[in-house]
Amino acid sequence: MINYRLIYPILLIFTTLLFNSCNPDNDKGIPSYIHIEKIDLVTTPLQGTASHKIVDAWVYIDNKLIGAFELPATFPVLRSGNTEIKIYAGIKINGIAAVRSPYPFYKPIFVSADLIPERIDTLRNLTTTYEQSTTFEWLEDFDSGALSIDTTSLSATKLHRTSDPSLIFKYKNERNDYSAMATLSGDSTLFECATIEYFELPKTGTPVFLEMNYKNDFNLTVGLIYITSTHEVHQHSVLILNPTEEWNKVYINFTPTISVLYFAQKFKVFIGMMKNDPSVTATIYLDNLKLVY
């Protein structure tokens, strides 16, 4: 698995950063153009939903990065003729637009294109899959009656499944019978749920991410509960998600937190929200939780 620094070019990289050497039939510096509309994800039944939020294409030619492009994108390359192109699917880390990276669990895409100067070549049907080395430590899609996540003793309301078609998460060509939801109303101020089991997660800088689909009308906190060698239990918030009226997908990076908590023995994932105004009702919806490393 390739480790990537979590950086994103501020500007698209044009001809000055493309290639210093060109093919003989393109020695006048006339660029060819590549268009990428989108990148899709394909999963197996054991990998959960294929829903994704791939927003960028990190494009390499001759193993040299020519640019990271927000999709859809049309960009120039100083290359003509038969060209081998490698593309990594890029995401927003923690949903932050300024922090973008190839997702380390998605395989690169290899494409051959016959480039012609001044012509736009569209790369179609681009799909990626999970790397074979990816470990799916935890999957929860709420379709089973035996849930692997439940409310904690601090919570004033329960997490429950819903099959209401107007409320559940939907993704193209996938059947989904249930999502999870929780509502805080009146004097109820705190909702919190956590995985039932603890997980042993790598602490050597190996990427560890939580993927999830969610919708919320109140700030949502996601983090880790951990236990030490002396059996002390602590809680560490990692990310606060702003309200979203539509279902969203987020990739939460647990890697830095787990590396700092090197003394922790095992981890649980928790999700919670808190409100103070009794006149306000707060609701969250969850689906397709994946803890991967």
Protein backbone atom coordinates (compact mmCIF):
# COMPACT_ATOMS: atom_id res chain seq x y z
CA MET A 1 0.00 0.00 0.00
CA ILE A 2 1.30 3.45 -0.92
CA ASN A 3 1.49 6.12 1.79
CA TYR A 4 0.60 9.60 0.66
CA ARG A 5 1.15 12.97 2.27
CA LEU A 6 -2.14 14.71 2.75
CA ILE A 7 -1.50 17.60 0.38
CA TYR A 8 -3.40 19.08 -2.52
CA PRO A 9 -2.06 21.44 -5.22
CA ILE A 10 -3.64 24.86 -4.91
CA LEU A 11 -3.65 25.42 -8.65
CA LEU A 12 -3.99 22.98 -11.50
CA ILE A 13 -0.61 22.07 -12.96
CA PHE A 14 -0.28 23.13 -16.54
CA THR A 15 2.36 22.77 -19.20
CA THR A 16 5.27 24.17 -17.21
CA LEU A 17 4.99 21.26 -14.78
CA LEU A 18 4.04 18.53 -17.19
CA PHE A 19 7.05 17.03 -18.95
CA ASN A 20 10.41 18.49 -19.87
CA SER A 21 10.87 15.93 -22.63
CA CYS A 22 8.22 15.36 -25.31
CA ASN A 23 7.67 12.75 -27.94
CA PRO A 24 9.47 13.53 -31.22
CA ASP A 25 6.11 14.11 -32.93
CA ASN A 26 5.18 16.72 -30.35
CA ASP A 27 8.36 18.75 -30.19
CA LYS A 28 6.56 22.03 -30.91
CA GLY A 29 4.98 22.01 -27.48
CA ILE A 30 1.40 21.65 -28.70
CA PRO A 31 -0.56 19.92 -25.95
CA SER A 32 -3.02 17.08 -26.19
CA TYR A 33 -5.98 17.14 -23.84
CA ILE A 34 -7.52 14.56 -21.52
CA HIS A 35 -11.02 14.73 -20.11
CA ILE A 36 -12.15 12.74 -17.05
CA GLU A 37 -15.80 13.04 -16.13
CA LYS A 38 -15.91 10.78 -13.06
CA ILE A 39 -14.44 7.76 -11.30
CA ASP A 40 -16.67 5.04 -9.85
CA LEU A 41 -16.07 2.36 -7.22
CA VAL A 42 -16.81 -1.36 -7.56
CA THR A 43 -17.06 -3.52 -4.42
CA THR A 44 -17.63 -7.15 -3.50
CA PRO A 45 -20.42 -8.22 -1.10
CA LEU A 46 -17.85 -8.48 1.71
CA GLN A 47 -16.73 -4.87 1.19
CA GLY A 48 -20.06 -3.16 1.70
CA THR A 49 -21.58 -0.37 -0.34
CA ALA A 50 -19.99 1.03 -3.49
CA SER A 51 -21.11 4.51 -2.54
CA HIS A 52 -18.17 6.89 -2.60
CA LYS A 53 -17.17 10.52 -2.75
CA ILE A 54 -14.32 10.47 -5.26
CA VAL A 55 -13.80 14.12 -6.15
CA ASP A 56 -10.32 14.25 -7.73
CA ALA A 57 -8.14 12.44 -10.24
CA TRP A 58 -4.42 12.31 -9.45
CA VAL A 59 -2.88 11.68 -12.86
CA TYR A 60 0.55 10.16 -13.57
CA ILE A 61 2.37 9.63 -16.85
CA ASP A 62 5.68 7.74 -16.77
CA ASN A 63 5.22 7.62 -12.98
CA LYS A 64 5.40 11.41 -12.81
CA LEU A 65 2.55 13.38 -11.31
CA ILE A 66 1.19 15.81 -13.85
CA GLY A 67 -1.60 17.11 -11.67
CA ALA A 68 -4.43 16.58 -9.24
CA PHE A 69 -7.66 17.64 -10.94
CA GLU A 70 -11.09 18.22 -9.46
CA LEU A 71 -13.68 16.23 -11.39
CA PRO A 72 -14.99 16.68 -13.98
CA ALA A 73 -11.76 17.97 -15.52
CA THR A 74 -10.13 18.67 -18.87
CA PHE A 75 -6.38 19.22 -18.72
CA PRO A 76 -3.41 19.50 -21.15
CA VAL A 77 -0.45 17.14 -21.46
CA LEU A 78 2.65 17.59 -23.58
CA ARG A 79 2.43 14.11 -24.96
CA SER A 80 1.15 12.51 -28.17
CA GLY A 81 0.76 9.00 -29.49
CA ASN A 82 0.10 5.89 -27.44
CA THR A 83 0.38 6.91 -23.77
CA GLU A 84 0.11 4.91 -20.56
CA ILE A 85 -1.79 6.82 -17.88
CA LYS A 86 -2.11 5.96 -14.18
CA ILE A 87 -4.90 7.55 -12.16
CA TYR A 88 -5.51 7.54 -8.40
CA ALA A 89 -8.97 8.32 -7.04
CA GLY A 90 -8.83 11.33 -4.74
CA ILE A 91 -10.99 12.28 -1.77
CA LYS A 92 -11.39 15.08 0.75
CA ILE A 93 -9.82 13.97 4.01
CA ASN A 94 -12.33 14.49 6.85
CA GLY A 95 -14.58 16.21 4.30
CA ILE A 96 -12.25 19.24 4.23
CA ALA A 97 -11.92 20.78 0.76
CA ALA A 98 -8.39 22.06 1.43
CA VAL A 99 -7.08 18.66 2.58
CA ARG A 100 -7.18 16.25 -0.35
CA SER A 101 -5.33 13.07 -1.17
CA PRO A 102 -5.49 9.87 -3.17
CA TYR A 103 -7.45 7.44 -1.00
CA PRO A 104 -4.85 4.84 0.03
CA PHE A 105 -7.37 1.97 -0.06
CA TYR A 106 -8.39 2.43 -3.71
CA LYS A 107 -6.38 0.76 -6.46
CA PRO A 108 -4.82 2.91 -9.18
CA ILE A 109 -6.47 2.86 -12.60
CA PHE A 110 -4.33 2.12 -15.67
CA VAL A 111 -5.45 3.45 -19.05
CA SER A 112 -3.88 3.58 -22.53
CA ALA A 113 -4.79 6.48 -24.80
CA ASP A 114 -3.70 7.49 -28.31
CA LEU A 115 -3.22 11.21 -27.77
CA ILE A 116 -3.32 13.70 -30.64
CA PRO A 117 -2.19 17.33 -30.24
CA GLU A 118 -5.08 19.78 -29.77
CA ARG A 119 -7.62 16.94 -29.50
CA ILE A 120 -9.56 16.14 -26.32
CA ASP A 121 -9.57 12.45 -25.41
CA THR A 122 -12.23 11.42 -22.91
CA LEU A 123 -11.31 8.56 -20.58
CA ARG A 124 -14.56 6.66 -20.08
CA ASN A 125 -15.82 4.04 -17.64
CA LEU A 126 -13.09 4.61 -15.07
CA THR A 127 -13.58 2.39 -12.03
CA THR A 128 -11.46 1.53 -9.03
CA THR A 129 -11.67 -1.20 -6.39
CA TYR A 130 -10.32 -1.65 -2.89
CA GLU A 131 -6.71 -2.76 -2.60
CA GLN A 132 -6.42 -6.46 -1.78
CA SER A 133 -4.40 -5.56 1.32
CA THR A 134 -7.30 -3.57 2.81
CA THR A 135 -8.58 -4.92 6.12
CA PHE A 136 -12.27 -4.30 6.80
CA GLU A 137 -12.15 -4.32 10.59
CA TRP A 138 -15.78 -3.32 10.98
CA LEU A 139 -18.78 -3.09 8.64
CA GLU A 140 -22.27 -2.00 9.67
CA ASP A 141 -25.06 -1.41 7.14
CA PHE A 142 -27.97 -1.84 9.61
CA ASP A 143 -29.65 -4.46 7.43
CA SER A 144 -29.11 -7.15 10.05
CA GLY A 145 -31.22 -7.28 13.19
CA ALA A 146 -28.11 -7.85 15.35
CA LEU A 147 -26.40 -4.46 15.32
CA SER A 148 -22.72 -3.99 16.14
CA ILE A 149 -23.22 -0.43 17.41
CA ASP A 150 -25.51 0.74 20.21
CA THR A 151 -26.24 3.74 22.39
CA THR A 152 -24.08 4.25 25.47
CA SER A 153 -25.23 4.76 29.05
CA LEU A 154 -24.85 8.54 28.60
CA SER A 155 -27.35 8.74 25.77
CA ALA A 156 -30.81 10.19 26.37
CA THR A 157 -32.26 8.53 23.29
CA LYS A 158 -31.88 5.27 21.40
CA LEU A 159 -30.36 4.50 18.04
CA HIS A 160 -32.86 2.53 16.00
CA ARG A 161 -33.32 1.23 12.48
CA THR A 162 -35.76 2.71 10.01
CA SER A 163 -37.13 1.23 6.82
CA ASP A 164 -39.02 4.36 5.79
CA PRO A 165 -38.20 4.79 2.06
CA SER A 166 -38.16 8.56 2.48
CA LEU A 167 -35.50 8.36 5.19
CA ILE A 168 -33.10 5.54 4.30
CA PHE A 169 -29.90 5.97 2.30
CA LYS A 170 -30.14 5.05 -1.36
CA TYR A 171 -27.37 4.36 -3.85
CA LYS A 172 -27.71 3.39 -7.50
CA ASN A 173 -28.26 -0.31 -8.23
CA GLU A 174 -27.97 -1.24 -4.55
CA ARG A 175 -30.69 -2.63 -2.36
CA ASN A 176 -30.87 -1.05 1.05
CA ASP A 177 -33.66 -1.95 3.44
CA TYR A 178 -32.60 -0.06 6.55
CA SER A 179 -30.66 2.92 7.83
CA ALA A 180 -30.17 4.02 11.44
CA MET A 181 -31.50 7.17 13.05
CA ALA A 182 -31.71 8.94 16.40
CA THR A 183 -33.69 12.00 17.51
CA LEU A 184 -33.18 14.40 20.40
CA SER A 185 -36.30 16.36 21.34
CA GLY A 186 -37.50 18.38 24.31
CA ASP A 187 -35.22 18.20 27.33
CA SER A 188 -33.15 15.37 25.89
CA THR A 189 -29.72 16.88 25.29
CA LEU A 190 -27.24 14.11 24.49
CA PHE A 191 -27.11 11.27 22.02
CA GLU A 192 -24.14 8.93 21.88
CA CYS A 193 -23.57 5.51 20.31
CA ALA A 194 -20.46 3.37 20.13
CA THR A 195 -19.35 0.07 18.68
CA ILE A 196 -20.10 -2.84 20.96
CA GLU A 197 -16.70 -4.42 20.44
CA TYR A 198 -13.20 -2.97 20.89
CA PHE A 199 -10.81 -3.17 17.92
CA GLU A 200 -7.06 -3.63 17.80
CA LEU A 201 -5.81 -1.09 15.27
CA PRO A 202 -2.29 -0.52 13.88
CA LYS A 203 -0.36 2.33 15.52
CA THR A 204 2.66 2.51 13.20
CA GLY A 205 1.36 5.24 10.90
CA THR A 206 -0.61 2.73 8.84
CA PRO A 207 -3.66 4.53 7.42
CA VAL A 208 -6.84 3.89 9.44
CA PHE A 209 -10.09 5.43 8.19
CA LEU A 210 -13.76 5.39 9.05
CA GLU A 211 -16.10 5.69 6.06
CA MET A 212 -19.74 6.47 6.56
CA ASN A 213 -22.87 7.85 4.95
CA TYR A 214 -24.71 10.32 7.15
CA LYS A 215 -27.30 13.08 7.25
CA ASN A 216 -27.73 15.43 10.20
CA ASP A 217 -29.42 18.68 11.16
CA PHE A 218 -27.16 19.24 14.17
CA ASN A 219 -23.39 19.04 14.66
CA LEU A 220 -22.22 15.44 14.80
CA THR A 221 -19.09 14.38 16.70
CA VAL A 222 -17.06 11.30 15.69
CA GLY A 223 -14.18 9.91 17.66
CA LEU A 224 -12.55 7.04 19.51
CA ILE A 225 -13.04 5.45 22.91
CA TYR A 226 -9.90 3.64 24.03
CA ILE A 227 -8.76 1.45 26.87
CA THR A 228 -5.26 1.48 28.36
CA SER A 229 -3.13 -1.34 29.76
CA THR A 230 -4.32 -0.34 33.25
CA HIS A 231 -7.95 -0.73 32.08
CA GLU A 232 -8.67 3.00 32.13
CA VAL A 233 -11.25 4.09 29.56
CA HIS A 234 -10.94 7.46 27.81
CA GLN A 235 -12.64 9.27 24.96
CA HIS A 236 -11.09 11.33 22.18
CA SER A 237 -13.07 13.41 19.67
CA VAL A 238 -11.61 13.40 16.15
CA LEU A 239 -14.02 15.34 13.96
CA ILE A 240 -17.17 17.47 14.14
CA LEU A 241 -19.41 17.19 11.07
CA ASN A 242 -21.55 20.16 10.13
CA PRO A 243 -25.26 19.71 9.33
CA THR A 244 -26.18 18.48 5.85
CA GLU A 245 -29.67 18.34 4.39
CA GLU A 246 -28.76 15.54 1.99
CA TRP A 247 -27.02 12.22 2.56
CA ASN A 248 -23.25 12.72 2.50
CA LYS A 249 -20.19 10.48 2.47
CA VAL A 250 -17.14 11.19 4.60
CA TYR A 251 -13.71 9.59 4.99
CA ILE A 252 -12.50 10.22 8.55
CA ASN A 253 -8.77 9.88 9.11
CA PHE A 254 -8.08 8.18 12.45
CA THR A 255 -4.37 7.68 11.65
CA PRO A 256 -2.88 10.72 13.49
CA THR A 257 -5.07 10.17 16.56
CA ILE A 258 -4.19 6.48 16.86
CA SER A 259 -0.50 7.28 16.42
CA VAL A 260 -0.64 9.78 19.30
CA LEU A 261 -2.54 7.29 21.47
CA TYR A 262 0.28 4.75 21.21
CA PHE A 263 -0.38 3.63 24.80
CA ALA A 264 -3.96 2.61 23.99
CA GLN A 265 -4.65 -1.10 23.82
CA LYS A 266 -7.96 -1.21 21.94
CA PHE A 267 -10.42 1.20 20.39
CA LYS A 268 -14.14 1.73 19.92
CA VAL A 269 -15.72 4.14 17.45
CA PHE A 270 -18.26 6.59 18.88
CA ILE A 271 -20.70 9.02 17.27
CA GLY A 272 -22.67 11.62 19.19
CA MET A 273 -24.51 14.93 19.23
CA MET A 274 -25.56 17.37 21.94
CA LYS A 275 -28.08 20.22 22.07
CA ASN A 276 -29.06 22.72 24.76
CA ASP A 277 -32.28 24.27 23.48
CA PRO A 278 -35.42 22.27 24.47
CA SER A 279 -37.37 23.89 21.62
CA VAL A 280 -35.02 22.39 19.02
CA THR A 281 -35.24 18.84 17.67
CA ALA A 282 -32.02 17.25 16.41
CA THR A 283 -31.95 14.16 14.18
CA ILE A 284 -29.15 12.13 12.64
CA TYR A 285 -29.16 9.32 10.09
CA LEU A 286 -26.34 6.82 9.62
CA ASP A 287 -25.51 4.06 7.17
CA ASN A 288 -22.65 2.02 5.69
CA LEU A 289 -20.04 2.39 8.41
CA LYS A 290 -16.65 0.95 7.45
CA LEU A 291 -13.53 0.89 9.61
CA VAL A 292 -10.61 0.06 7.31
CA TYR A 293 -6.84 -0.10 7.48
